[in-house]
Amino acid sequence: MADTEKTKTVLGIDEAGRGSVLGPLVIGGVLMKENKLKFLDRIGVKDSKRLTAKKRTIISRKIKKITQFTTTIITAQEIDHLRNTGTNLNKIETNAMIEIIKQYKPEKCCIDCLDVNEERFHNRIQHTNHKMEVITEHKADDTYNIVAAASIIAKVERDKQMEIIRQEYGAVGSGYPSDKKTTGYLKNLNGKYPPIVRQTWNTVKNIETKD
């Protein structure tokens, strides 16, 4: 029984770009056997926010060599369309996570909780498979290395997508509302927004109101 427990499949899920006003939201999923999780620590896996971009890229390559992984890219246009038709951001993200769970069918799933109400989010995930062990916690990327691995995969893909955007649209900054380069870029558009902009964001609405 103990051996069976150790070899269960564990899926970690996390996102990058949730609060950004530019570019996509990226959901990362990483799957491996529970008795192999120690290898994530050995290659230096930790929450992506605590790593430099260069370090994330290097560790991301190592993660991909020893795990099964996936990324789901939800574009700014898709986010706007879903929000305009009644699907809030939490639901958009949860739906994408559930699709990853259905893809991998893990025996255990660890997710960085996106809802202020952990129990509500936990129940929504558990509903996908009542036999699956579900862990949903705030800051799970600090606690569980499988979630930290997913955060790295998601962040590296998000950075890659943002670099593609910069090559096409110029100096757009990080894409986050706290970035003056990003807000400056938005103001200079004078209301003519390309598809990389999440037009349903308050940041955009506030700029339009001030103008």
N, C-alpha and C. Protein backbone atom coordinates (compact mmCIF):
# COMPACT_ATOMS: atom_id res chain seq x y z
N MET A 1 0.84 -1.21 0.00
CA MET A 1 0.00 0.00 0.00
C MET A 1 0.88 1.26 0.00
N ALA A 2 1.97 1.18 0.81
CA ALA A 2 2.87 2.34 0.91
C ALA A 2 3.52 2.64 -0.43
N ASP A 3 3.92 1.56 -1.16
CA ASP A 3 4.55 1.76 -2.46
C ASP A 3 3.60 2.39 -3.45
N THR A 4 2.34 1.96 -3.39
CA THR A 4 1.31 2.52 -4.28
C THR A 4 1.12 4.00 -4.01
N GLU A 5 1.14 4.36 -2.73
CA GLU A 5 0.98 5.76 -2.34
C GLU A 5 2.12 6.60 -2.91
N LYS A 6 3.34 6.07 -2.80
CA LYS A 6 4.51 6.83 -3.24
C LYS A 6 4.55 7.05 -4.75
N THR A 7 3.98 6.11 -5.49
CA THR A 7 4.08 6.21 -6.95
C THR A 7 2.85 6.84 -7.59
N LYS A 8 1.99 7.45 -6.80
CA LYS A 8 0.82 8.10 -7.37
C LYS A 8 1.26 9.30 -8.22
N THR A 9 0.48 9.62 -9.22
CA THR A 9 0.81 10.77 -10.07
C THR A 9 0.31 12.06 -9.42
N VAL A 10 1.16 13.06 -9.46
CA VAL A 10 0.84 14.37 -8.85
C VAL A 10 0.91 15.44 -9.92
N LEU A 11 -0.13 16.25 -9.98
CA LEU A 11 -0.20 17.36 -10.94
C LEU A 11 -0.14 18.68 -10.19
N GLY A 12 0.77 19.54 -10.61
CA GLY A 12 0.84 20.90 -10.06
C GLY A 12 0.36 21.89 -11.10
N ILE A 13 -0.42 22.87 -10.67
CA ILE A 13 -0.94 23.88 -11.61
C ILE A 13 -0.75 25.28 -11.03
N ASP A 14 -0.31 26.20 -11.89
CA ASP A 14 -0.20 27.61 -11.50
C ASP A 14 -0.32 28.47 -12.75
N GLU A 15 -0.42 29.78 -12.56
CA GLU A 15 -0.62 30.68 -13.70
C GLU A 15 0.41 31.80 -13.70
N ALA A 16 0.46 32.49 -14.84
CA ALA A 16 1.27 33.70 -14.97
C ALA A 16 0.48 34.69 -15.82
N GLY A 17 0.50 35.95 -15.42
CA GLY A 17 -0.15 36.99 -16.21
C GLY A 17 -1.59 37.27 -15.84
N ARG A 18 -2.03 36.80 -14.70
CA ARG A 18 -3.42 37.00 -14.28
C ARG A 18 -3.79 38.48 -14.21
N GLY A 19 -2.94 39.27 -13.57
CA GLY A 19 -3.26 40.67 -13.36
C GLY A 19 -2.80 41.62 -14.45
N SER A 20 -2.18 41.06 -15.49
CA SER A 20 -1.65 41.89 -16.56
C SER A 20 -2.76 42.51 -17.40
N VAL A 21 -2.53 43.71 -17.90
CA VAL A 21 -3.49 44.37 -18.78
C VAL A 21 -3.13 44.11 -20.25
N LEU A 22 -1.92 43.62 -20.48
CA LEU A 22 -1.47 43.29 -21.84
C LEU A 22 -1.07 41.82 -21.93
N GLY A 23 -1.34 41.23 -23.07
CA GLY A 23 -0.87 39.88 -23.33
C GLY A 23 -1.70 38.80 -22.69
N PRO A 24 -1.24 37.56 -22.82
CA PRO A 24 -2.05 36.42 -22.40
C PRO A 24 -1.94 36.07 -20.93
N LEU A 25 -2.93 35.30 -20.49
CA LEU A 25 -2.88 34.59 -19.22
C LEU A 25 -2.40 33.19 -19.57
N VAL A 26 -1.39 32.69 -18.87
CA VAL A 26 -0.83 31.37 -19.16
C VAL A 26 -1.00 30.47 -17.94
N ILE A 27 -1.59 29.30 -18.17
CA ILE A 27 -1.73 28.30 -17.11
C ILE A 27 -0.72 27.19 -17.38
N GLY A 28 0.07 26.86 -16.37
CA GLY A 28 1.05 25.79 -16.51
C GLY A 28 0.65 24.58 -15.70
N GLY A 29 0.89 23.40 -16.26
CA GLY A 29 0.64 22.15 -15.55
C GLY A 29 1.86 21.25 -15.63
N VAL A 30 2.24 20.65 -14.49
CA VAL A 30 3.39 19.74 -14.45
C VAL A 30 2.97 18.47 -13.72
N LEU A 31 3.25 17.32 -14.34
CA LEU A 31 2.86 16.02 -13.79
C LEU A 31 4.08 15.14 -13.59
N MET A 32 4.15 14.51 -12.41
CA MET A 32 5.19 13.50 -12.20
C MET A 32 4.78 12.57 -11.06
N LYS A 33 5.52 11.49 -10.90
CA LYS A 33 5.26 10.54 -9.82
C LYS A 33 5.68 11.18 -8.49
N GLU A 34 4.90 10.89 -7.46
CA GLU A 34 5.17 11.50 -6.17
C GLU A 34 6.55 11.15 -5.63
N ASN A 35 7.01 9.93 -5.90
CA ASN A 35 8.33 9.53 -5.38
C ASN A 35 9.49 10.15 -6.16
N LYS A 36 9.17 10.93 -7.19
CA LYS A 36 10.20 11.61 -7.99
C LYS A 36 10.27 13.12 -7.68
N LEU A 37 9.39 13.60 -6.82
CA LEU A 37 9.30 15.04 -6.55
C LEU A 37 10.61 15.63 -6.02
N LYS A 38 11.38 14.80 -5.34
CA LYS A 38 12.66 15.29 -4.77
C LYS A 38 13.60 15.83 -5.85
N PHE A 39 13.43 15.31 -7.08
CA PHE A 39 14.31 15.78 -8.16
C PHE A 39 14.04 17.24 -8.52
N LEU A 40 12.84 17.72 -8.25
CA LEU A 40 12.53 19.13 -8.50
C LEU A 40 13.36 20.03 -7.58
N ASP A 41 13.50 19.61 -6.33
CA ASP A 41 14.33 20.37 -5.39
C ASP A 41 15.79 20.37 -5.84
N ARG A 42 16.23 19.24 -6.36
CA ARG A 42 17.63 19.11 -6.77
C ARG A 42 18.00 20.01 -7.94
N ILE A 43 17.04 20.30 -8.80
CA ILE A 43 17.35 21.18 -9.95
C ILE A 43 17.06 22.66 -9.65
N GLY A 44 16.70 22.94 -8.37
CA GLY A 44 16.57 24.33 -7.94
C GLY A 44 15.19 24.94 -8.12
N VAL A 45 14.16 24.10 -8.19
CA VAL A 45 12.80 24.61 -8.36
C VAL A 45 12.34 25.39 -7.13
N LYS A 46 11.83 26.57 -7.36
CA LYS A 46 11.18 27.39 -6.32
C LYS A 46 10.21 28.32 -7.02
N ASP A 47 9.39 29.01 -6.26
CA ASP A 47 8.40 29.93 -6.84
C ASP A 47 9.07 30.82 -7.89
N SER A 48 8.45 30.90 -9.07
CA SER A 48 9.05 31.62 -10.20
C SER A 48 9.37 33.08 -9.87
N LYS A 49 8.62 33.68 -8.96
CA LYS A 49 8.84 35.10 -8.62
C LYS A 49 10.16 35.28 -7.85
N ARG A 50 10.71 34.20 -7.35
CA ARG A 50 11.96 34.28 -6.58
C ARG A 50 13.18 33.93 -7.43
N LEU A 51 12.96 33.82 -8.74
CA LEU A 51 14.05 33.48 -9.66
C LEU A 51 14.22 34.57 -10.71
N THR A 52 15.44 34.77 -11.18
CA THR A 52 15.66 35.70 -12.29
C THR A 52 15.12 35.07 -13.57
N ALA A 53 14.90 35.89 -14.58
CA ALA A 53 14.39 35.39 -15.86
C ALA A 53 15.34 34.34 -16.44
N LYS A 54 16.64 34.59 -16.35
CA LYS A 54 17.63 33.65 -16.89
C LYS A 54 17.57 32.32 -16.15
N LYS A 55 17.47 32.39 -14.82
CA LYS A 55 17.42 31.18 -13.99
C LYS A 55 16.13 30.40 -14.27
N ARG A 56 15.03 31.11 -14.43
CA ARG A 56 13.75 30.45 -14.75
C ARG A 56 13.85 29.66 -16.05
N THR A 57 14.46 30.26 -17.05
CA THR A 57 14.60 29.60 -18.35
C THR A 57 15.42 28.32 -18.24
N ILE A 58 16.53 28.40 -17.51
CA ILE A 58 17.40 27.23 -17.33
C ILE A 58 16.66 26.12 -16.59
N ILE A 59 15.99 26.48 -15.48
CA ILE A 59 15.28 25.48 -14.67
C ILE A 59 14.08 24.92 -15.44
N SER A 60 13.43 25.77 -16.22
CA SER A 60 12.29 25.33 -17.03
C SER A 60 12.70 24.18 -17.96
N ARG A 61 13.86 24.33 -18.60
CA ARG A 61 14.36 23.28 -19.50
C ARG A 61 14.58 21.97 -18.73
N LYS A 62 15.11 22.09 -17.52
CA LYS A 62 15.36 20.90 -16.69
C LYS A 62 14.04 20.24 -16.27
N ILE A 63 13.06 21.06 -15.92
CA ILE A 63 11.74 20.53 -15.54
C ILE A 63 11.14 19.73 -16.69
N LYS A 64 11.24 20.28 -17.89
CA LYS A 64 10.64 19.64 -19.06
C LYS A 64 11.29 18.30 -19.39
N LYS A 65 12.54 18.11 -18.95
CA LYS A 65 13.23 16.84 -19.21
C LYS A 65 12.78 15.72 -18.28
N ILE A 66 12.26 16.08 -17.09
CA ILE A 66 11.95 15.04 -16.10
C ILE A 66 10.46 14.94 -15.76
N THR A 67 9.62 15.72 -16.43
CA THR A 67 8.18 15.70 -16.14
C THR A 67 7.37 15.66 -17.43
N GLN A 68 6.06 15.44 -17.26
CA GLN A 68 5.12 15.76 -18.32
C GLN A 68 4.62 17.17 -18.02
N PHE A 69 4.45 17.99 -19.04
CA PHE A 69 4.07 19.38 -18.80
C PHE A 69 3.18 19.89 -19.92
N THR A 70 2.46 20.96 -19.60
CA THR A 70 1.62 21.60 -20.61
C THR A 70 1.42 23.06 -20.25
N THR A 71 1.10 23.87 -21.24
CA THR A 71 0.71 25.26 -20.99
C THR A 71 -0.55 25.56 -21.79
N THR A 72 -1.43 26.32 -21.17
CA THR A 72 -2.62 26.81 -21.84
C THR A 72 -2.50 28.32 -21.96
N ILE A 73 -2.57 28.83 -23.18
CA ILE A 73 -2.44 30.27 -23.42
C ILE A 73 -3.83 30.85 -23.72
N ILE A 74 -4.25 31.79 -22.88
CA ILE A 74 -5.54 32.46 -23.08
C ILE A 74 -5.25 33.90 -23.46
N THR A 75 -5.53 34.26 -24.69
CA THR A 75 -5.16 35.58 -25.20
C THR A 75 -6.01 36.69 -24.59
N ALA A 76 -5.52 37.92 -24.76
CA ALA A 76 -6.27 39.10 -24.28
C ALA A 76 -7.65 39.15 -24.93
N GLN A 77 -7.72 38.85 -26.22
CA GLN A 77 -8.99 38.86 -26.94
C GLN A 77 -9.96 37.82 -26.38
N GLU A 78 -9.44 36.63 -26.08
CA GLU A 78 -10.28 35.57 -25.51
C GLU A 78 -10.79 35.96 -24.13
N ILE A 79 -9.91 36.57 -23.34
CA ILE A 79 -10.31 37.02 -22.00
C ILE A 79 -11.43 38.06 -22.10
N ASP A 80 -11.25 39.05 -22.98
CA ASP A 80 -12.27 40.09 -23.16
C ASP A 80 -13.60 39.50 -23.63
N HIS A 81 -13.54 38.58 -24.58
CA HIS A 81 -14.77 37.97 -25.11
C HIS A 81 -15.51 37.22 -24.00
N LEU A 82 -14.77 36.43 -23.22
CA LEU A 82 -15.40 35.65 -22.15
C LEU A 82 -15.96 36.55 -21.06
N ARG A 83 -15.23 37.59 -20.70
CA ARG A 83 -15.72 38.51 -19.66
C ARG A 83 -16.95 39.29 -20.15
N ASN A 84 -16.93 39.65 -21.42
CA ASN A 84 -18.08 40.38 -21.98
C ASN A 84 -19.33 39.51 -22.10
N THR A 85 -19.13 38.19 -22.10
CA THR A 85 -20.28 37.28 -22.21
C THR A 85 -20.59 36.60 -20.87
N GLY A 86 -20.10 37.20 -19.78
CA GLY A 86 -20.54 36.77 -18.45
C GLY A 86 -19.64 35.80 -17.69
N THR A 87 -18.43 35.53 -18.21
CA THR A 87 -17.52 34.62 -17.51
C THR A 87 -16.42 35.44 -16.84
N ASN A 88 -16.39 35.42 -15.51
CA ASN A 88 -15.38 36.24 -14.82
C ASN A 88 -14.01 35.57 -14.87
N LEU A 89 -12.99 36.30 -14.45
CA LEU A 89 -11.61 35.83 -14.59
C LEU A 89 -11.37 34.54 -13.81
N ASN A 90 -11.92 34.45 -12.60
CA ASN A 90 -11.75 33.23 -11.81
C ASN A 90 -12.29 32.01 -12.55
N LYS A 91 -13.45 32.18 -13.17
CA LYS A 91 -14.08 31.08 -13.91
C LYS A 91 -13.26 30.73 -15.15
N ILE A 92 -12.76 31.73 -15.85
CA ILE A 92 -11.91 31.51 -17.03
C ILE A 92 -10.70 30.65 -16.65
N GLU A 93 -10.07 31.06 -15.55
CA GLU A 93 -8.86 30.37 -15.11
C GLU A 93 -9.18 28.96 -14.59
N THR A 94 -10.25 28.86 -13.81
CA THR A 94 -10.64 27.55 -13.27
C THR A 94 -10.97 26.57 -14.39
N ASN A 95 -11.69 27.02 -15.40
CA ASN A 95 -12.04 26.16 -16.52
C ASN A 95 -10.80 25.61 -17.22
N ALA A 96 -9.80 26.49 -17.39
CA ALA A 96 -8.54 26.07 -18.04
C ALA A 96 -7.81 25.04 -17.18
N MET A 97 -7.83 25.24 -15.87
CA MET A 97 -7.19 24.29 -14.95
C MET A 97 -7.90 22.93 -14.99
N ILE A 98 -9.21 22.96 -15.03
CA ILE A 98 -9.98 21.72 -15.08
C ILE A 98 -9.67 20.93 -16.36
N GLU A 99 -9.47 21.64 -17.47
CA GLU A 99 -9.12 20.97 -18.72
C GLU A 99 -7.76 20.26 -18.61
N ILE A 100 -6.82 20.88 -17.89
CA ILE A 100 -5.52 20.25 -17.68
C ILE A 100 -5.67 19.00 -16.81
N ILE A 101 -6.51 19.09 -15.78
CA ILE A 101 -6.78 17.94 -14.91
C ILE A 101 -7.38 16.79 -15.72
N LYS A 102 -8.33 17.12 -16.58
CA LYS A 102 -8.97 16.09 -17.41
C LYS A 102 -7.97 15.46 -18.37
N GLN A 103 -7.02 16.26 -18.83
CA GLN A 103 -6.00 15.77 -19.75
C GLN A 103 -5.09 14.73 -19.08
N TYR A 104 -4.67 15.03 -17.85
CA TYR A 104 -3.68 14.19 -17.18
C TYR A 104 -4.26 13.15 -16.22
N LYS A 105 -5.49 13.38 -15.72
CA LYS A 105 -6.15 12.44 -14.80
C LYS A 105 -5.23 12.04 -13.63
N PRO A 106 -4.73 13.00 -12.88
CA PRO A 106 -3.81 12.68 -11.78
C PRO A 106 -4.55 12.07 -10.58
N GLU A 107 -3.78 11.39 -9.74
CA GLU A 107 -4.36 10.87 -8.50
C GLU A 107 -4.32 11.94 -7.40
N LYS A 108 -3.44 12.92 -7.60
CA LYS A 108 -3.32 14.02 -6.65
C LYS A 108 -3.10 15.31 -7.42
N CYS A 109 -3.71 16.38 -6.98
CA CYS A 109 -3.58 17.66 -7.69
C CYS A 109 -3.33 18.79 -6.69
N CYS A 110 -2.30 19.57 -6.94
CA CYS A 110 -1.96 20.71 -6.08
C CYS A 110 -2.05 21.99 -6.91
N ILE A 111 -2.82 22.95 -6.44
CA ILE A 111 -3.03 24.19 -7.19
C ILE A 111 -2.85 25.41 -6.30
N ASP A 112 -2.23 26.43 -6.86
CA ASP A 112 -2.16 27.73 -6.19
C ASP A 112 -3.56 28.34 -6.25
N CYS A 113 -4.21 28.46 -5.12
CA CYS A 113 -5.62 28.87 -5.07
C CYS A 113 -5.81 30.29 -5.60
N LEU A 114 -6.75 30.45 -6.54
CA LEU A 114 -6.98 31.75 -7.15
C LEU A 114 -8.18 32.48 -6.54
N ASP A 115 -8.96 31.77 -5.73
CA ASP A 115 -10.17 32.33 -5.12
C ASP A 115 -9.85 32.79 -3.71
N VAL A 116 -10.46 33.90 -3.27
CA VAL A 116 -10.28 34.33 -1.88
C VAL A 116 -10.84 33.27 -0.93
N ASN A 117 -11.83 32.52 -1.41
CA ASN A 117 -12.46 31.46 -0.62
C ASN A 117 -11.85 30.12 -1.02
N GLU A 118 -10.91 29.64 -0.22
CA GLU A 118 -10.20 28.39 -0.56
C GLU A 118 -11.15 27.20 -0.65
N GLU A 119 -12.10 27.13 0.27
CA GLU A 119 -13.02 25.99 0.30
C GLU A 119 -13.88 25.94 -0.97
N ARG A 120 -14.35 27.08 -1.41
CA ARG A 120 -15.18 27.14 -2.62
C ARG A 120 -14.39 26.67 -3.83
N PHE A 121 -13.16 27.14 -3.95
CA PHE A 121 -12.32 26.73 -5.08
C PHE A 121 -11.99 25.24 -4.99
N HIS A 122 -11.66 24.79 -3.78
CA HIS A 122 -11.36 23.37 -3.56
C HIS A 122 -12.52 22.49 -4.02
N ASN A 123 -13.72 22.87 -3.67
CA ASN A 123 -14.90 22.07 -4.02
C ASN A 123 -15.12 22.02 -5.53
N ARG A 124 -14.84 23.12 -6.22
CA ARG A 124 -15.01 23.15 -7.68
C ARG A 124 -14.02 22.22 -8.35
N ILE A 125 -12.79 22.18 -7.85
CA ILE A 125 -11.78 21.29 -8.41
C ILE A 125 -12.09 19.83 -8.06
N GLN A 126 -12.47 19.61 -6.81
CA GLN A 126 -12.79 18.24 -6.36
C GLN A 126 -13.94 17.64 -7.17
N HIS A 127 -14.84 18.48 -7.60
CA HIS A 127 -16.02 18.04 -8.35
C HIS A 127 -15.62 17.37 -9.67
N THR A 128 -14.44 17.67 -10.18
CA THR A 128 -14.01 17.06 -11.45
C THR A 128 -13.69 15.58 -11.28
N ASN A 129 -13.26 15.21 -10.08
CA ASN A 129 -12.93 13.80 -9.80
C ASN A 129 -12.96 13.60 -8.29
N HIS A 130 -13.98 12.93 -7.80
CA HIS A 130 -14.16 12.79 -6.35
C HIS A 130 -13.11 11.87 -5.72
N LYS A 131 -12.42 11.06 -6.54
CA LYS A 131 -11.41 10.15 -6.01
C LYS A 131 -10.03 10.81 -5.95
N MET A 132 -9.87 11.91 -6.63
CA MET A 132 -8.58 12.61 -6.68
C MET A 132 -8.33 13.37 -5.38
N GLU A 133 -7.10 13.27 -4.88
CA GLU A 133 -6.72 14.08 -3.72
C GLU A 133 -6.46 15.50 -4.20
N VAL A 134 -7.11 16.47 -3.58
CA VAL A 134 -7.00 17.86 -4.03
C VAL A 134 -6.42 18.74 -2.93
N ILE A 135 -5.38 19.48 -3.29
CA ILE A 135 -4.81 20.50 -2.39
C ILE A 135 -4.89 21.84 -3.10
N THR A 136 -5.63 22.76 -2.54
CA THR A 136 -5.71 24.12 -3.10
C THR A 136 -5.41 25.11 -1.97
N GLU A 137 -4.30 25.77 -2.08
CA GLU A 137 -3.89 26.71 -1.03
C GLU A 137 -3.36 28.00 -1.66
N HIS A 138 -3.54 29.10 -0.93
CA HIS A 138 -2.91 30.35 -1.35
C HIS A 138 -1.40 30.20 -1.15
N LYS A 139 -0.64 30.72 -2.10
CA LYS A 139 0.82 30.65 -2.07
C LYS A 139 1.33 29.20 -2.07
N ALA A 140 0.59 28.32 -2.75
CA ALA A 140 1.01 26.91 -2.85
C ALA A 140 2.34 26.78 -3.57
N ASP A 141 2.67 27.79 -4.41
CA ASP A 141 3.96 27.74 -5.13
C ASP A 141 5.14 27.91 -4.18
N ASP A 142 4.89 28.40 -2.97
CA ASP A 142 5.93 28.48 -1.95
C ASP A 142 6.05 27.18 -1.16
N THR A 143 4.95 26.43 -1.10
CA THR A 143 4.87 25.25 -0.24
C THR A 143 5.12 23.93 -0.97
N TYR A 144 4.66 23.84 -2.21
CA TYR A 144 4.74 22.58 -2.96
C TYR A 144 5.61 22.76 -4.21
N ASN A 145 6.67 21.95 -4.30
CA ASN A 145 7.59 22.14 -5.43
C ASN A 145 6.95 21.82 -6.78
N ILE A 146 5.95 20.96 -6.80
CA ILE A 146 5.26 20.66 -8.06
C ILE A 146 4.48 21.87 -8.58
N VAL A 147 3.97 22.68 -7.65
CA VAL A 147 3.27 23.92 -8.04
C VAL A 147 4.29 24.98 -8.46
N ALA A 148 5.41 25.03 -7.74
CA ALA A 148 6.48 25.96 -8.12
C ALA A 148 6.98 25.64 -9.53
N ALA A 149 7.08 24.34 -9.85
CA ALA A 149 7.51 23.93 -11.20
C ALA A 149 6.51 24.41 -12.24
N ALA A 150 5.22 24.30 -11.92
CA ALA A 150 4.17 24.78 -12.84
C ALA A 150 4.24 26.29 -13.00
N SER A 151 4.57 26.99 -11.91
CA SER A 151 4.67 28.46 -11.98
C SER A 151 5.83 28.87 -12.89
N ILE A 152 6.91 28.11 -12.85
CA ILE A 152 8.07 28.40 -13.71
C ILE A 152 7.72 28.17 -15.17
N ILE A 153 7.09 27.03 -15.46
CA ILE A 153 6.69 26.71 -16.83
C ILE A 153 5.76 27.80 -17.38
N ALA A 154 4.80 28.22 -16.55
CA ALA A 154 3.84 29.25 -16.98
C ALA A 154 4.52 30.59 -17.20
N LYS A 155 5.40 30.97 -16.27
CA LYS A 155 6.06 32.28 -16.35
C LYS A 155 7.00 32.36 -17.56
N VAL A 156 7.73 31.29 -17.83
CA VAL A 156 8.66 31.29 -18.97
C VAL A 156 7.88 31.41 -20.28
N GLU A 157 6.74 30.72 -20.36
CA GLU A 157 5.92 30.81 -21.57
C GLU A 157 5.31 32.21 -21.70
N ARG A 158 4.87 32.77 -20.60
CA ARG A 158 4.31 34.13 -20.60
C ARG A 158 5.39 35.14 -21.06
N ASP A 159 6.61 35.00 -20.53
CA ASP A 159 7.71 35.88 -20.94
C ASP A 159 7.99 35.76 -22.44
N LYS A 160 7.92 34.54 -22.93
CA LYS A 160 8.14 34.28 -24.36
C LYS A 160 7.07 34.99 -25.20
N GLN A 161 5.82 34.90 -24.76
CA GLN A 161 4.72 35.55 -25.48
C GLN A 161 4.85 37.07 -25.43
N MET A 162 5.30 37.60 -24.29
CA MET A 162 5.49 39.05 -24.16
C MET A 162 6.62 39.54 -25.05
N GLU A 163 7.65 38.72 -25.24
CA GLU A 163 8.76 39.11 -26.12
C GLU A 163 8.27 39.18 -27.57
N ILE A 164 7.43 38.24 -27.96
CA ILE A 164 6.83 38.27 -29.30
C ILE A 164 6.01 39.55 -29.48
N ILE A 165 5.28 39.92 -28.44
CA ILE A 165 4.46 41.15 -28.47
C ILE A 165 5.35 42.38 -28.62
N ARG A 166 6.45 42.43 -27.87
CA ARG A 166 7.37 43.58 -27.94
C ARG A 166 7.98 43.72 -29.33
N GLN A 167 8.29 42.60 -29.95
CA GLN A 167 8.87 42.64 -31.29
C GLN A 167 7.88 43.24 -32.30
N GLU A 168 6.59 43.01 -32.06
CA GLU A 168 5.58 43.53 -32.99
C GLU A 168 5.09 44.92 -32.63
N TYR A 169 4.95 45.19 -31.33
CA TYR A 169 4.32 46.43 -30.90
C TYR A 169 5.26 47.43 -30.22
N GLY A 170 6.50 47.05 -30.02
CA GLY A 170 7.46 47.98 -29.42
C GLY A 170 7.52 47.90 -27.91
N ALA A 171 7.93 49.02 -27.29
CA ALA A 171 8.16 49.06 -25.84
C ALA A 171 6.84 49.14 -25.07
N VAL A 172 6.30 47.98 -24.71
CA VAL A 172 5.02 47.93 -24.00
C VAL A 172 5.19 47.70 -22.50
N GLY A 173 6.45 47.55 -22.07
CA GLY A 173 6.70 47.28 -20.66
C GLY A 173 6.39 45.84 -20.31
N SER A 174 6.15 45.59 -19.03
CA SER A 174 5.90 44.23 -18.52
C SER A 174 4.48 43.76 -18.80
N GLY A 175 3.59 44.75 -19.07
CA GLY A 175 2.19 44.41 -19.30
C GLY A 175 1.31 44.61 -18.07
N TYR A 176 1.94 44.90 -16.93
CA TYR A 176 1.17 45.04 -15.69
C TYR A 176 0.80 46.51 -15.42
N PRO A 177 -0.35 46.74 -14.83
CA PRO A 177 -0.82 48.11 -14.57
C PRO A 177 0.11 48.95 -13.70
N SER A 178 0.93 48.28 -12.88
CA SER A 178 1.85 49.01 -12.00
C SER A 178 3.08 49.53 -12.75
N ASP A 179 3.24 49.10 -13.98
CA ASP A 179 4.40 49.47 -14.80
C ASP A 179 4.09 50.75 -15.58
N LYS A 180 4.86 51.80 -15.33
CA LYS A 180 4.63 53.10 -15.99
C LYS A 180 4.83 53.01 -17.51
N LYS A 181 5.74 52.12 -17.95
CA LYS A 181 5.93 51.93 -19.39
C LYS A 181 4.64 51.40 -20.02
N THR A 182 4.00 50.47 -19.33
CA THR A 182 2.77 49.86 -19.84
C THR A 182 1.63 50.88 -19.88
N THR A 183 1.44 51.63 -18.79
CA THR A 183 0.36 52.62 -18.77
C THR A 183 0.63 53.75 -19.76
N GLY A 184 1.91 54.09 -19.92
CA GLY A 184 2.28 55.10 -20.92
C GLY A 184 1.97 54.63 -22.32
N TYR A 185 2.26 53.37 -22.59
CA TYR A 185 1.95 52.78 -23.90
C TYR A 185 0.45 52.83 -24.16
N LEU A 186 -0.34 52.49 -23.15
CA LEU A 186 -1.81 52.49 -23.30
C LEU A 186 -2.35 53.90 -23.57
N LYS A 187 -1.81 54.87 -22.86
CA LYS A 187 -2.26 56.26 -23.05
C LYS A 187 -1.97 56.76 -24.46
N ASN A 188 -0.83 56.36 -24.98
CA ASN A 188 -0.44 56.81 -26.33
C ASN A 188 -1.27 56.19 -27.45
N LEU A 189 -2.03 55.17 -27.12
CA LEU A 189 -2.87 54.52 -28.14
C LEU A 189 -4.11 55.34 -28.47
N ASN A 190 -4.45 56.27 -27.56
CA ASN A 190 -5.62 57.15 -27.76
C ASN A 190 -6.91 56.37 -28.07
N GLY A 191 -7.10 55.29 -27.33
CA GLY A 191 -8.34 54.53 -27.47
C GLY A 191 -8.38 53.55 -28.63
N LYS A 192 -7.30 53.49 -29.42
CA LYS A 192 -7.25 52.53 -30.54
C LYS A 192 -6.39 51.34 -30.12
N TYR A 193 -7.05 50.34 -29.53
CA TYR A 193 -6.32 49.25 -28.90
C TYR A 193 -6.09 48.05 -29.81
N PRO A 194 -4.84 47.58 -29.89
CA PRO A 194 -4.56 46.35 -30.64
C PRO A 194 -5.05 45.14 -29.85
N PRO A 195 -5.05 43.96 -30.46
CA PRO A 195 -5.60 42.77 -29.80
C PRO A 195 -4.84 42.28 -28.58
N ILE A 196 -3.67 42.85 -28.30
CA ILE A 196 -2.90 42.44 -27.12
C ILE A 196 -3.43 43.07 -25.84
N VAL A 197 -4.32 44.06 -25.95
CA VAL A 197 -4.82 44.81 -24.79
C VAL A 197 -6.11 44.17 -24.25
N ARG A 198 -6.15 43.97 -22.94
CA ARG A 198 -7.38 43.49 -22.30
C ARG A 198 -8.27 44.70 -22.03
N GLN A 199 -9.17 44.94 -22.95
CA GLN A 199 -9.96 46.17 -22.90
C GLN A 199 -11.01 46.17 -21.79
N THR A 200 -11.29 45.01 -21.21
CA THR A 200 -12.26 44.95 -20.11
C THR A 200 -11.60 45.29 -18.77
N TRP A 201 -10.30 45.56 -18.77
CA TRP A 201 -9.58 45.87 -17.53
C TRP A 201 -9.91 47.30 -17.07
N ASN A 202 -9.98 47.49 -15.76
CA ASN A 202 -10.24 48.82 -15.19
C ASN A 202 -9.14 49.80 -15.56
N THR A 203 -7.90 49.31 -15.72
CA THR A 203 -6.78 50.16 -16.11
C THR A 203 -7.11 50.91 -17.40
N VAL A 204 -7.66 50.19 -18.37
CA VAL A 204 -8.02 50.80 -19.67
C VAL A 204 -9.20 51.76 -19.49
N LYS A 205 -10.18 51.33 -18.74
CA LYS A 205 -11.38 52.17 -18.52
C LYS A 205 -11.02 53.46 -17.80
N ASN A 206 -10.09 53.37 -16.84
CA ASN A 206 -9.67 54.55 -16.09
C ASN A 206 -8.92 55.54 -16.98
N ILE A 207 -8.11 55.04 -17.90
CA ILE A 207 -7.40 55.89 -18.84
C ILE A 207 -8.40 56.62 -19.73
N GLU A 208 -9.41 55.90 -20.20
CA GLU A 208 -10.43 56.50 -21.05
C GLU A 208 -11.23 57.56 -20.31
N THR A 209 -11.50 57.31 -19.02
CA THR A 209 -12.26 58.27 -18.21
C THR A 209 -11.47 59.55 -18.01
N LYS A 210 -10.17 59.40 -17.75
CA LYS A 210 -9.31 60.58 -17.55
C LYS A 210 -9.18 61.40 -18.82
N ASP A 211 -9.12 60.67 -19.96
CA ASP A 211 -9.03 61.37 -21.23
C ASP A 211 -10.33 62.10 -21.57
